[in-house]
Amino acid sequence: MRRGLIIEAVEPGSLADEAGIEPGDRLSAINGHHPRDVIDFGFHAGDDELVLEVVKTSGEIWEIEANREDRMVLGMRFRAAAPRRCGNACLFCFIDQLPKGLRRSLYVKDEDYRHSFLYGNFVTLSTLRTSDMRRILEQRLSPLYVSVHATEPDLRCELLGNPSARPIMEILKELAAGGITVHAQVVLCPGLNDGKHLERTVSDLASMYPRVASLAVVPVGLTRHREALPLLRPVTREYASGFLAQWQTRSAAIAEELGAPFLFLADEFYLKAVQPFPPLATYGELPQFGNGVGMIPLFLSECDGVIAGAENLEPTSVTIVTGESPFGYLEGFVGRLSRKTGILMRLIAIRNALLGDEVTVTGLVTGRDLCAQLKGRELGGVVMVPDVMLREGDGLFLDDVSLEDVARELGARVSVFEATPAGLYAALKSLS
């Protein structure tokens, strides 16, 4: 068995570089421990005195002693390990609702506590093994991001499509006893885990604060590709309005009781209800930002500062694309920025024809929909695409359409900008 980690890249000037380690070599041991993944590597690489066993691509075995006292970094990046597969059959699984023809990685159902720790991915922990729990506690893999959905055991098993799922409160209490912090989420399915069931879930999890440090409630996402799948009710504008009327008050009461924000309602509820967002201060340190909680309030809070500092730029004309749901919140800022800079800006919302009208967020806009809906329109000098539409690192849309494909199809220059007020302004300045 070839134990260890394949080295994918070596940082120039690092300890690894100076020692002669090269991409393709394999780190087989560190201080006598055989690393299973980057978590093991990080856990055992904290000592000042290190002994690395490296297997060269030629098969030669090197033993390298490294001294960390000079604060130089080891400088090795490793090939990513494949995530563990999910053993659930969730009623609302978004992957089951995807059409054919998207990038292959989108169809992978992962359930890996390591990715939860490393990248903030939400996992159910329904298939957590005793050895996994032992490792989490021993290596202090905290925080973890956990999809709870319901704390009632039978209801949670129904939602997960997994009758053997261990009760989540047992798992959370074991993690808490070991000093592990958890950020939790509930995917809200109207008529299933709302009402009294949500009341119990929120109460159970709030009782574990601060080890359960935050809870986000996000609406179920439904595409138009649900053939042969369980019938689920969407979160409509009427439902979202009623939900916010009840749970905004409840969230504030819990925050007062605990002395800190705990229960967060996803931005999408406010977008669907067409209601104003609460003050940014109520989101605390934005612990659920990557889960779509507080993104638009943060964006709006930064608008005035960007407008105040914006300068008159070289006149040009651009088209800025977004998803349907945030369009109304972005329109005012784009108009103000256009007047301040002198650049003509068209803001266009792209309808998600591929996944359906229930899917309105910017991050799920596809390249094919973008091209189809912009084709033949006056676009100005540049089409500006927010980075959240693209997969990090390779510039591909959800459907594997590239920026080059879009530029060629539309006959226009395409520019990517960070999806913040400052990011948009910086991209406009670079055009000038």
Protein backbone atom coordinates (compact mmCIF):
# COMPACT_ATOMS: atom_id res chain seq x y z
CA MET A 1 0.00 0.00 0.00
CA ARG A 2 1.39 3.40 -1.03
CA ARG A 3 0.94 5.41 2.16
CA GLY A 4 1.26 9.17 2.32
CA LEU A 5 0.33 12.24 0.31
CA ILE A 6 1.20 13.10 -3.29
CA ILE A 7 2.85 16.53 -3.46
CA GLU A 8 1.09 18.62 -6.08
CA ALA A 9 3.09 21.86 -5.81
CA VAL A 10 6.08 23.29 -3.94
CA GLU A 11 6.28 26.94 -2.96
CA PRO A 12 9.46 28.64 -4.24
CA GLY A 13 11.89 29.53 -1.46
CA SER A 14 10.18 27.27 1.09
CA LEU A 15 11.83 24.57 3.20
CA ALA A 16 10.51 21.93 0.80
CA ASP A 17 11.97 23.78 -2.19
CA GLU A 18 15.37 24.18 -0.55
CA ALA A 19 15.38 20.48 0.38
CA GLY A 20 14.84 19.47 -3.25
CA ILE A 21 11.28 18.20 -2.91
CA GLU A 22 9.40 18.34 -6.22
CA PRO A 23 5.82 17.99 -7.45
CA GLY A 24 4.99 14.32 -7.91
CA ASP A 25 7.03 13.23 -4.89
CA ARG A 26 5.16 11.55 -2.04
CA LEU A 27 5.33 12.51 1.63
CA SER A 28 5.14 9.07 3.21
CA ALA A 29 5.75 10.05 6.84
CA ILE A 30 6.13 13.04 9.13
CA ASN A 31 7.75 12.46 12.52
CA GLY A 32 7.01 8.76 12.08
CA HIS A 33 3.30 9.26 11.32
CA HIS A 34 1.87 8.27 7.93
CA PRO A 35 -0.50 11.13 6.96
CA ARG A 36 -3.87 10.05 5.60
CA ASP A 37 -4.81 13.55 4.44
CA VAL A 38 -3.93 17.22 4.83
CA ILE A 39 -5.54 17.26 8.28
CA ASP A 40 -3.10 14.64 9.51
CA PHE A 41 -0.27 16.60 7.92
CA GLY A 42 -1.29 19.82 9.65
CA PHE A 43 -1.75 18.05 12.97
CA HIS A 44 1.73 16.50 12.95
CA ALA A 45 3.54 19.42 11.27
CA GLY A 46 3.16 21.76 14.21
CA ASP A 47 6.40 20.75 15.94
CA ASP A 48 9.55 22.84 15.51
CA GLU A 49 11.64 19.74 14.80
CA LEU A 50 10.38 17.65 11.90
CA VAL A 51 11.61 14.54 10.16
CA LEU A 52 10.05 14.05 6.73
CA GLU A 53 10.20 10.81 4.77
CA VAL A 54 9.78 11.59 1.09
CA VAL A 55 9.54 9.06 -1.71
CA LYS A 56 10.88 10.59 -4.94
CA THR A 57 9.26 9.87 -8.28
CA SER A 58 12.30 7.68 -9.03
CA GLY A 59 11.45 5.51 -6.02
CA GLU A 60 14.37 6.80 -3.98
CA ILE A 61 13.54 7.45 -0.30
CA TRP A 62 14.81 10.66 1.27
CA GLU A 63 14.80 11.51 4.96
CA ILE A 64 14.78 15.25 5.53
CA GLU A 65 15.19 17.01 8.84
CA ALA A 66 13.52 20.40 9.04
CA ASN A 67 13.78 23.09 11.69
CA ARG A 68 10.79 25.41 11.96
CA GLU A 69 12.43 27.93 14.29
CA ASP A 70 13.26 30.24 11.38
CA ARG A 71 9.53 30.45 10.65
CA MET A 72 9.94 29.37 7.05
CA VAL A 73 6.95 27.47 5.75
CA LEU A 74 7.23 23.88 4.64
CA GLY A 75 5.66 24.95 1.37
CA MET A 76 4.00 21.77 0.12
CA ARG A 77 0.54 21.53 -1.39
CA PHE A 78 -0.99 18.09 -1.68
CA ARG A 79 -3.34 16.45 -4.14
CA ALA A 80 -6.87 16.66 -2.80
CA ALA A 81 -8.40 13.44 -1.52
CA ALA A 82 -11.74 12.31 -2.93
CA PRO A 83 -14.59 13.07 -0.51
CA ARG A 84 -16.54 10.31 1.16
CA ARG A 85 -19.84 9.57 -0.49
CA CYS A 86 -23.20 10.32 1.11
CA GLY A 87 -25.30 7.38 2.28
CA ASN A 88 -28.54 9.36 2.63
CA ALA A 89 -31.45 9.76 0.24
CA CYS A 90 -32.68 13.18 1.38
CA LEU A 91 -36.18 14.11 0.24
CA PHE A 92 -34.91 17.53 -0.87
CA CYS A 93 -31.46 16.58 -2.23
CA PHE A 94 -30.52 19.26 -4.76
CA ILE A 95 -28.26 16.91 -6.70
CA ASP A 96 -31.19 14.60 -7.46
CA GLN A 97 -32.89 17.59 -9.09
CA LEU A 98 -30.10 18.43 -11.52
CA PRO A 99 -30.55 17.81 -15.25
CA LYS A 100 -28.01 15.91 -17.30
CA GLY A 101 -25.17 17.72 -19.01
CA LEU A 102 -23.64 19.69 -16.14
CA ARG A 103 -20.08 19.31 -14.89
CA ARG A 104 -19.51 15.82 -13.50
CA SER A 105 -18.38 16.97 -10.06
CA LEU A 106 -21.84 18.43 -9.43
CA TYR A 107 -23.37 14.95 -9.30
CA VAL A 108 -21.07 13.79 -6.49
CA LYS A 109 -22.94 13.43 -3.20
CA ASP A 110 -20.35 13.97 -0.52
CA GLU A 111 -20.67 13.45 3.23
CA ASP A 112 -17.21 14.08 4.64
CA TYR A 113 -16.54 15.57 8.07
CA ARG A 114 -13.02 16.42 6.87
CA HIS A 115 -14.40 18.73 4.19
CA SER A 116 -16.70 20.23 6.77
CA PHE A 117 -13.69 21.17 8.89
CA LEU A 118 -11.49 22.27 5.98
CA TYR A 119 -13.98 24.09 3.74
CA GLY A 120 -17.13 24.68 5.77
CA ASN A 121 -19.22 22.11 3.87
CA PHE A 122 -22.40 21.06 5.65
CA VAL A 123 -22.63 17.36 6.52
CA THR A 124 -25.29 15.34 8.33
CA LEU A 125 -22.85 13.14 10.33
CA SER A 126 -25.41 10.36 9.83
CA THR A 127 -22.73 7.84 8.85
CA LEU A 128 -20.07 8.97 11.33
CA ARG A 129 -18.06 6.00 12.55
CA THR A 130 -16.63 5.52 16.03
CA SER A 131 -13.13 5.98 14.62
CA ASP A 132 -14.22 9.23 12.96
CA MET A 133 -15.56 10.61 16.22
CA ARG A 134 -12.37 9.59 18.00
CA ARG A 135 -10.30 11.44 15.41
CA ILE A 136 -12.46 14.57 15.51
CA LEU A 137 -12.04 14.79 19.27
CA GLU A 138 -8.35 13.89 19.30
CA GLN A 139 -7.37 16.34 16.57
CA ARG A 140 -9.84 19.03 17.68
CA LEU A 141 -11.47 19.39 14.27
CA SER A 142 -13.49 22.45 15.14
CA PRO A 143 -15.70 24.04 14.01
CA LEU A 144 -17.84 21.59 12.06
CA TYR A 145 -20.85 22.52 9.93
CA VAL A 146 -23.79 20.19 10.48
CA SER A 147 -27.05 19.76 8.60
CA VAL A 148 -29.55 19.02 11.36
CA HIS A 149 -32.90 19.62 9.61
CA ALA A 150 -34.81 18.30 12.65
CA THR A 151 -33.80 17.10 16.10
CA GLU A 152 -36.72 14.66 16.38
CA PRO A 153 -35.09 11.31 15.48
CA ASP A 154 -37.95 9.86 13.40
CA LEU A 155 -38.54 13.07 11.46
CA ARG A 156 -34.84 13.48 10.75
CA CYS A 157 -34.61 9.91 9.47
CA GLU A 158 -37.56 10.62 7.18
CA LEU A 159 -35.98 13.81 5.84
CA LEU A 160 -32.63 12.11 5.28
CA GLY A 161 -34.18 9.02 3.75
CA ASN A 162 -32.03 7.05 6.16
CA PRO A 163 -33.90 4.99 8.79
CA SER A 164 -30.66 4.04 10.56
CA ALA A 165 -29.37 7.58 11.10
CA ARG A 166 -28.14 8.02 14.65
CA PRO A 167 -30.06 10.68 16.64
CA ILE A 168 -28.33 13.99 15.98
CA MET A 169 -28.61 15.28 19.55
CA GLU A 170 -26.54 12.32 20.76
CA ILE A 171 -23.83 13.21 18.27
CA LEU A 172 -23.90 16.92 19.07
CA LYS A 173 -23.67 16.27 22.81
CA GLU A 174 -20.67 14.01 22.29
CA LEU A 175 -18.98 16.68 20.16
CA ALA A 176 -19.79 19.38 22.71
CA ALA A 177 -18.36 17.30 25.55
CA GLY A 178 -15.14 17.06 23.56
CA GLY A 179 -14.94 20.82 23.06
CA ILE A 180 -16.01 20.85 19.40
CA THR A 181 -17.99 23.84 18.13
CA VAL A 182 -20.78 23.32 15.60
CA HIS A 183 -22.57 25.63 13.19
CA ALA A 184 -25.93 24.06 12.29
CA GLN A 185 -28.44 24.43 9.50
CA VAL A 186 -32.03 23.47 8.81
CA VAL A 187 -33.27 23.15 5.23
CA LEU A 188 -36.88 24.18 5.72
CA CYS A 189 -39.49 22.09 3.89
CA PRO A 190 -42.99 23.59 4.30
CA GLY A 191 -45.36 21.12 5.95
CA LEU A 192 -42.56 18.77 7.03
CA ASN A 193 -40.05 20.27 9.47
CA ASP A 194 -41.59 23.68 10.12
CA GLY A 195 -44.14 24.71 12.75
CA LYS A 196 -43.87 22.79 16.04
CA HIS A 197 -41.04 20.68 14.62
CA LEU A 198 -38.93 23.76 13.95
CA GLU A 199 -39.79 25.10 17.39
CA ARG A 200 -38.37 21.94 18.95
CA THR A 201 -35.29 21.96 16.73
CA VAL A 202 -34.48 25.59 17.53
CA SER A 203 -35.08 25.04 21.25
CA ASP A 204 -32.92 21.90 21.35
CA LEU A 205 -30.02 23.54 19.54
CA ALA A 206 -30.21 26.84 21.41
CA SER A 207 -29.95 24.87 24.66
CA MET A 208 -26.48 23.78 23.50
CA TYR A 209 -25.13 27.29 22.93
CA PRO A 210 -22.25 28.17 22.71
CA ARG A 211 -21.04 24.73 21.54
CA VAL A 212 -23.75 24.96 18.91
CA ALA A 213 -22.67 28.47 18.02
CA SER A 214 -25.20 29.33 15.32
CA LEU A 215 -28.22 27.98 13.47
CA ALA A 216 -29.29 29.01 9.99
CA VAL A 217 -32.68 28.23 8.49
CA VAL A 218 -32.61 28.14 4.69
CA PRO A 219 -35.56 27.49 2.35
CA VAL A 220 -35.65 24.25 0.38
CA GLY A 221 -34.40 24.66 -3.17
CA LEU A 222 -36.56 23.06 -5.85
CA THR A 223 -35.74 22.84 -9.55
CA ARG A 224 -38.07 21.90 -12.38
CA HIS A 225 -36.34 18.52 -12.66
CA ARG A 226 -38.14 16.57 -9.90
CA GLU A 227 -39.56 13.71 -11.90
CA ALA A 228 -40.17 10.61 -9.73
CA LEU A 229 -39.09 12.51 -6.60
CA PRO A 230 -41.19 13.19 -3.47
CA LEU A 231 -43.69 16.01 -3.79
CA LEU A 232 -42.43 19.04 -1.85
CA ARG A 233 -44.01 22.45 -1.39
CA PRO A 234 -41.96 25.47 -2.43
CA VAL A 235 -41.36 28.47 -0.18
CA THR A 236 -43.66 31.02 -1.81
CA ARG A 237 -43.79 34.78 -1.23
CA GLU A 238 -46.80 34.33 1.05
CA TYR A 239 -45.11 31.57 3.04
CA ALA A 240 -41.86 33.54 3.37
CA SER A 241 -43.76 36.60 4.62
CA GLY A 242 -45.55 34.60 7.31
CA PHE A 243 -42.37 32.82 8.26
CA LEU A 244 -40.46 36.07 8.73
CA ALA A 245 -43.29 37.60 10.74
CA GLN A 246 -42.95 34.79 13.27
CA TRP A 247 -39.27 33.96 13.27
CA GLN A 248 -37.70 37.40 13.12
CA THR A 249 -39.25 38.09 16.51
CA ARG A 250 -38.22 34.67 17.80
CA SER A 251 -34.65 35.19 16.56
CA ALA A 252 -34.40 38.52 18.40
CA ALA A 253 -35.75 36.96 21.60
CA ILE A 254 -33.22 34.13 21.47
CA ALA A 255 -30.38 36.60 20.85
CA GLU A 256 -31.44 38.58 23.93
CA GLU A 257 -31.69 35.42 26.01
CA LEU A 258 -28.28 34.08 24.96
CA GLY A 259 -26.55 37.44 24.82
CA ALA A 260 -25.51 36.96 21.19
CA PRO A 261 -27.09 36.34 17.75
CA PHE A 262 -27.82 32.65 17.30
CA LEU A 263 -30.74 31.99 14.96
CA PHE A 264 -30.26 33.33 11.42
CA LEU A 265 -32.76 33.39 8.57
CA ALA A 266 -31.36 33.02 5.08
CA ASP A 267 -31.32 36.03 2.76
CA GLU A 268 -33.56 34.09 0.39
CA PHE A 269 -36.53 34.41 2.77
CA TYR A 270 -36.31 38.21 2.52
CA LEU A 271 -35.82 38.06 -1.24
CA LYS A 272 -38.85 35.82 -1.70
CA ALA A 273 -40.99 37.93 0.66
CA VAL A 274 -39.69 41.19 -0.90
CA GLN A 275 -39.08 42.58 2.56
CA PRO A 276 -36.28 44.77 3.94
CA PHE A 277 -33.38 43.11 5.69
CA PRO A 278 -32.67 43.61 9.39
CA PRO A 279 -29.64 45.73 10.38
CA LEU A 280 -26.26 44.17 9.65
CA ALA A 281 -25.42 44.26 13.37
CA THR A 282 -28.04 41.57 14.02
CA TYR A 283 -25.92 39.11 12.01
CA GLY A 284 -23.06 39.22 14.52
CA GLU A 285 -19.80 38.08 12.97
CA LEU A 286 -21.62 36.53 9.98
CA PRO A 287 -20.98 32.90 11.02
CA GLN A 288 -23.30 31.58 8.30
CA PHE A 289 -22.21 33.91 5.49
CA GLY A 290 -21.21 31.07 3.18
CA ASN A 291 -24.68 29.59 3.68
CA GLY A 292 -26.37 32.61 2.13
CA VAL A 293 -27.01 34.46 5.39
CA GLY A 294 -26.10 38.15 5.55
CA MET A 295 -24.63 38.43 2.07
CA ILE A 296 -26.98 41.12 0.83
CA PRO A 297 -27.06 43.09 4.12
CA LEU A 298 -23.25 43.18 4.01
CA PHE A 299 -23.33 44.23 0.35
CA LEU A 300 -25.80 47.03 1.06
CA SER A 301 -23.81 48.22 4.08
CA GLU A 302 -20.73 48.70 1.89
CA CYS A 303 -22.48 50.61 -0.89
CA ASP A 304 -22.39 54.11 0.62
CA GLY A 305 -18.64 53.94 1.31
CA VAL A 306 -17.89 52.88 -2.26
CA ILE A 307 -20.11 55.61 -3.71
CA ALA A 308 -18.47 58.23 -1.49
CA GLY A 309 -15.00 57.27 -2.70
CA ALA A 310 -15.86 56.69 -6.36
CA GLU A 311 -14.26 58.93 -8.97
CA ASN A 312 -15.27 60.01 -12.44
CA LEU A 313 -13.89 57.38 -14.84
CA GLU A 314 -13.30 57.22 -18.55
CA PRO A 315 -16.72 57.04 -20.21
CA THR A 316 -17.65 53.62 -21.46
CA SER A 317 -20.65 51.28 -21.49
CA VAL A 318 -20.93 47.93 -19.70
CA THR A 319 -23.51 45.25 -18.97
CA ILE A 320 -23.59 43.72 -15.47
CA VAL A 321 -25.36 40.38 -15.00
CA THR A 322 -26.94 38.98 -11.86
CA GLY A 323 -29.54 36.47 -10.75
CA GLU A 324 -33.20 37.44 -10.49
CA SER A 325 -33.54 37.52 -6.69
CA PRO A 326 -30.95 40.20 -5.84
CA PHE A 327 -31.76 42.41 -8.86
CA GLY A 328 -33.97 44.85 -6.95
CA TYR A 329 -31.37 45.33 -4.24
CA LEU A 330 -28.52 45.91 -6.69
CA GLU A 331 -30.37 48.21 -9.06
CA GLY A 332 -30.15 51.28 -6.83
CA PHE A 333 -26.43 50.87 -6.17
CA VAL A 334 -25.60 50.33 -9.83
CA GLY A 335 -27.57 53.45 -10.76
CA ARG A 336 -25.77 55.57 -8.17
CA LEU A 337 -22.38 54.19 -9.20
CA SER A 338 -23.15 54.89 -12.85
CA ARG A 339 -23.94 58.53 -12.12
CA LYS A 340 -20.83 58.96 -9.95
CA THR A 341 -18.38 57.37 -12.39
CA GLY A 342 -19.94 58.48 -15.68
CA ILE A 343 -19.99 54.88 -16.95
CA LEU A 344 -23.21 53.69 -18.54
CA MET A 345 -24.19 50.48 -16.74
CA ARG A 346 -26.95 48.08 -17.70
CA LEU A 347 -27.95 45.63 -14.96
CA ILE A 348 -29.62 42.52 -16.40
CA ALA A 349 -31.18 39.70 -14.37
CA ILE A 350 -30.69 36.26 -15.94
CA ARG A 351 -33.65 33.92 -15.59
CA ASN A 352 -32.69 30.34 -14.76
CA ALA A 353 -34.31 28.51 -17.64
CA LEU A 354 -32.25 25.38 -17.01
CA LEU A 355 -33.21 24.78 -13.37
CA GLY A 356 -36.58 26.57 -13.33
CA ASP A 357 -38.21 29.73 -12.03
CA GLU A 358 -37.89 28.69 -8.37
CA VAL A 359 -34.09 29.00 -8.67
CA THR A 360 -33.26 32.71 -8.70
CA VAL A 361 -29.89 33.06 -6.96
CA THR A 362 -26.88 34.46 -8.81
CA GLY A 363 -24.56 31.56 -8.05
CA LEU A 364 -26.68 29.07 -10.03
CA VAL A 365 -26.93 31.07 -13.26
CA THR A 366 -25.63 28.98 -16.16
CA GLY A 367 -23.48 30.03 -19.07
CA ARG A 368 -26.01 28.81 -21.60
CA ASP A 369 -28.82 30.84 -20.04
CA LEU A 370 -26.59 33.89 -19.90
CA CYS A 371 -25.68 33.61 -23.58
CA ALA A 372 -29.24 32.90 -24.71
CA GLN A 373 -30.67 35.90 -22.85
CA LEU A 374 -27.95 38.39 -23.83
CA LYS A 375 -27.63 37.33 -27.46
CA GLY A 376 -28.56 40.17 -29.81
CA ARG A 377 -28.84 42.81 -27.07
CA GLU A 378 -26.84 46.01 -26.84
CA LEU A 379 -24.13 45.10 -24.36
CA GLY A 380 -21.71 48.00 -24.55
CA GLY A 381 -17.99 47.41 -24.36
CA VAL A 382 -17.89 44.70 -21.69
CA VAL A 383 -20.09 42.03 -20.08
CA MET A 384 -19.29 41.95 -16.35
CA VAL A 385 -19.84 38.64 -14.56
CA PRO A 386 -19.79 38.27 -10.73
CA ASP A 387 -17.31 35.68 -9.51
CA VAL A 388 -20.01 33.70 -7.64
CA MET A 389 -21.31 32.47 -11.01
CA LEU A 390 -18.04 30.66 -11.65
CA ARG A 391 -16.27 27.69 -10.12
CA GLU A 392 -13.25 28.89 -8.21
CA GLY A 393 -9.99 28.26 -9.99
CA ASP A 394 -11.12 27.47 -13.53
CA GLY A 395 -13.64 30.13 -14.58
CA LEU A 396 -16.40 27.68 -15.55
CA PHE A 397 -20.13 28.18 -15.12
CA LEU A 398 -22.38 25.53 -13.59
CA ASP A 399 -22.85 23.91 -17.03
CA ASP A 400 -19.12 23.88 -17.87
CA VAL A 401 -19.43 26.86 -20.21
CA SER A 402 -16.24 28.93 -20.04
CA LEU A 403 -15.74 32.69 -20.10
CA GLU A 404 -14.11 32.24 -23.50
CA ASP A 405 -17.25 30.46 -24.73
CA VAL A 406 -19.40 33.38 -23.54
CA ALA A 407 -17.12 35.98 -25.14
CA ARG A 408 -17.13 34.09 -28.43
CA GLU A 409 -20.90 33.53 -28.41
CA LEU A 410 -21.74 37.15 -27.60
CA GLY A 411 -18.92 38.76 -29.54
CA ALA A 412 -18.06 40.84 -26.50
CA ARG A 413 -15.30 41.18 -23.95
CA VAL A 414 -16.09 39.47 -20.63
CA SER A 415 -14.74 40.65 -17.28
CA VAL A 416 -15.10 38.93 -13.89
CA PHE A 417 -15.54 40.99 -10.72
CA GLU A 418 -15.64 40.16 -7.03
CA ALA A 419 -19.32 40.24 -6.03
CA THR A 420 -18.98 43.16 -3.61
CA PRO A 421 -19.49 46.93 -4.11
CA ALA A 422 -15.72 47.48 -3.88
CA GLY A 423 -15.12 44.56 -6.24
CA LEU A 424 -17.40 46.00 -8.89
CA TYR A 425 -15.87 49.46 -8.60
CA ALA A 426 -12.33 48.06 -8.78
CA ALA A 427 -13.22 46.15 -11.97
CA LEU A 428 -14.68 49.30 -13.52
CA LYS A 429 -11.50 51.21 -12.67
CA SER A 430 -9.37 48.52 -14.28
CA LEU A 431 -11.42 48.89 -17.48
CA SER A 432 -10.58 52.58 -17.53
